[in-house]
Structures are given as structure tokens and as C-alpha cells.
């Protein structure tokens, strides 16, 4: 199962969405994280277990996402 998102990371996501940014830096890890809007624009789930995956669980499973759960 996916790890919970910290409050700081959730805020960074909200701010990135407000700016129309495709991604943001996770304030704890320094990793680049794609926003939900960027992932949705791709048109399909890639199955990589993205933090903000906007696709339904059924589609995540079809894409063989390892952490997809109901």
C-alpha cells in the first residue's frame, strides 16, 4: 500500500497545481513528483505507482500498478 503523503508534500502539490506546474520537489526527499493534472494529461495510467495517480483502481491494476488497492 502507498505511504501516506506528508502535510508538506500535500501543500507542495496544491501549490504546484495552482501554478500550473507539471511537478514539484518533495520537501522531505527532494524527489521530483508529477502532479495529478500532469498524470491525467498522459491519458492512461503508466503502472508506476505514482503518488498522485488520478486513475481508477481498475485501470491501475490493468496497468499492473504494484500498489493498487481499493
C-alpha atoms as a PDB file:
ATOM      1  CA  UNK A   1       0.000   0.000   0.000  1.00  0.00           C
ATOM      2  CA  UNK A   2       1.196   3.540  -0.734  1.00  0.00           C
ATOM      3  CA  UNK A   3       2.717   5.508   2.080  1.00  0.00           C
ATOM      4  CA  UNK A   4       0.738   8.490   3.365  1.00  0.00           C
ATOM      5  CA  UNK A   5       1.685  11.872   1.930  1.00  0.00           C
ATOM      6  CA  UNK A   6       3.108  14.333   4.455  1.00  0.00           C
ATOM      7  CA  UNK A   7       1.311  17.631   5.032  1.00  0.00           C
ATOM      8  CA  UNK A   8       4.272  19.476   3.491  1.00  0.00           C
ATOM      9  CA  UNK A   9       4.155  17.324   0.339  1.00  0.00           C
ATOM     10  CA  UNK A  10       0.375  17.731   0.080  1.00  0.00           C
ATOM     11  CA  UNK A  11       0.808  21.506   0.307  1.00  0.00           C
ATOM     12  CA  UNK A  12       3.561  21.434  -2.335  1.00  0.00           C
ATOM     13  CA  UNK A  13       1.171  19.532  -4.632  1.00  0.00           C
ATOM     14  CA  UNK A  14      -1.610  22.083  -4.095  1.00  0.00           C
ATOM     15  CA  UNK A  15       0.807  24.941  -4.818  1.00  0.00           C
ATOM     16  CA  UNK A  16       2.142  23.234  -7.950  1.00  0.00           C
ATOM     17  CA  UNK A  17      -1.411  22.721  -9.236  1.00  0.00           C
ATOM     18  CA  UNK A  18      -2.229  26.378  -8.566  1.00  0.00           C
ATOM     19  CA  UNK A  19       0.841  27.447 -10.589  1.00  0.00           C
ATOM     20  CA  UNK A  20       0.023  25.021 -13.389  1.00  0.00           C
ATOM     21  CA  UNK A  21       3.351  23.265 -12.798  1.00  0.00           C
ATOM     22  CA  UNK A  22       3.838  19.726 -14.089  1.00  0.00           C
ATOM     23  CA  UNK A  23       5.738  18.630 -10.989  1.00  0.00           C
ATOM     24  CA  UNK A  24       7.147  19.691  -7.627  1.00  0.00           C
ATOM     25  CA  UNK A  25      10.049  18.725  -5.395  1.00  0.00           C
ATOM     26  CA  UNK A  26       9.049  16.629  -2.417  1.00  0.00           C
ATOM     27  CA  UNK A  27      10.163  18.738   0.549  1.00  0.00           C
ATOM     28  CA  UNK A  28      11.287  15.674   2.528  1.00  0.00           C
ATOM     29  CA  UNK A  29      13.021  13.564  -0.116  1.00  0.00           C
ATOM     30  CA  UNK A  30      13.933  16.060  -2.831  1.00  0.00           C
ATOM     31  CA  UNK A  31      12.401  13.721  -5.437  1.00  0.00           C
ATOM     32  CA  UNK A  32      10.525  15.180  -8.398  1.00  0.00           C
ATOM     33  CA  UNK A  33       6.831  14.265  -8.127  1.00  0.00           C
ATOM     34  CA  UNK A  34       4.375  14.644 -11.015  1.00  0.00           C
ATOM     35  CA  UNK A  35       1.081  16.383 -10.279  1.00  0.00           C
ATOM     36  CA  UNK A  36      -2.281  14.686 -10.788  1.00  0.00           C
ATOM     37  CA  UNK A  37      -3.021  17.061 -13.679  1.00  0.00           C
ATOM     38  CA  UNK A  38       0.194  16.042 -15.452  1.00  0.00           C
ATOM     39  CA  UNK A  39      -0.591  12.362 -14.997  1.00  0.00           C
ATOM     40  CA  UNK A  40      -4.152  12.836 -16.247  1.00  0.00           C
ATOM     41  CA  UNK A  41      -2.865  14.627 -19.360  1.00  0.00           C
ATOM     42  CA  UNK A  42      -0.888  11.484 -20.241  1.00  0.00           C
ATOM     43  CA  UNK A  43      -4.182   9.752 -20.979  1.00  0.00           C
ATOM     44  CA  UNK A  44      -3.627   6.460 -19.169  1.00  0.00           C
ATOM     45  CA  UNK A  45      -2.111   5.011 -16.016  1.00  0.00           C
ATOM     46  CA  UNK A  46       1.544   4.039 -16.516  1.00  0.00           C
ATOM     47  CA  UNK A  47       1.503   1.480 -13.692  1.00  0.00           C
ATOM     48  CA  UNK A  48       4.498   3.003 -11.892  1.00  0.00           C
ATOM     49  CA  UNK A  49       2.710   3.704  -8.615  1.00  0.00           C
ATOM     50  CA  UNK A  50       2.693   7.480  -8.976  1.00  0.00           C
ATOM     51  CA  UNK A  51       1.819   9.328  -5.761  1.00  0.00           C
ATOM     52  CA  UNK A  52      -0.985  11.395  -7.297  1.00  0.00           C
ATOM     53  CA  UNK A  53      -2.314   8.878  -9.824  1.00  0.00           C
ATOM     54  CA  UNK A  54      -5.765  10.146 -10.869  1.00  0.00           C
ATOM     55  CA  UNK A  55      -6.892   6.912 -12.495  1.00  0.00           C
ATOM     56  CA  UNK A  56      -9.401   4.450 -11.010  1.00  0.00           C
ATOM     57  CA  UNK A  57      -8.059   1.373  -9.224  1.00  0.00           C
ATOM     58  CA  UNK A  58      -9.315  -0.902 -12.021  1.00  0.00           C
ATOM     59  CA  UNK A  59      -7.229   0.992 -14.575  1.00  0.00           C
ATOM     60  CA  UNK A  60      -4.210   0.985 -12.262  1.00  0.00           C
ATOM     61  CA  UNK A  61      -4.499  -2.798 -11.983  1.00  0.00           C
ATOM     62  CA  UNK A  62      -4.735  -3.159 -15.781  1.00  0.00           C
ATOM     63  CA  UNK A  63      -1.500  -1.162 -15.967  1.00  0.00           C
ATOM     64  CA  UNK A  64      -0.044  -3.590 -13.391  1.00  0.00           C
ATOM     65  CA  UNK A  65       0.487  -0.946 -10.715  1.00  0.00           C
ATOM     66  CA  UNK A  66       2.032  -2.848  -7.799  1.00  0.00           C
ATOM     67  CA  UNK A  67       0.280  -0.862  -5.045  1.00  0.00           C
ATOM     68  CA  UNK A  68      -3.240  -0.566  -6.489  1.00  0.00           C
ATOM     69  CA  UNK A  69      -5.829  -1.221  -3.810  1.00  0.00           C
ATOM     70  CA  UNK A  70      -9.497  -0.455  -3.203  1.00  0.00           C
END
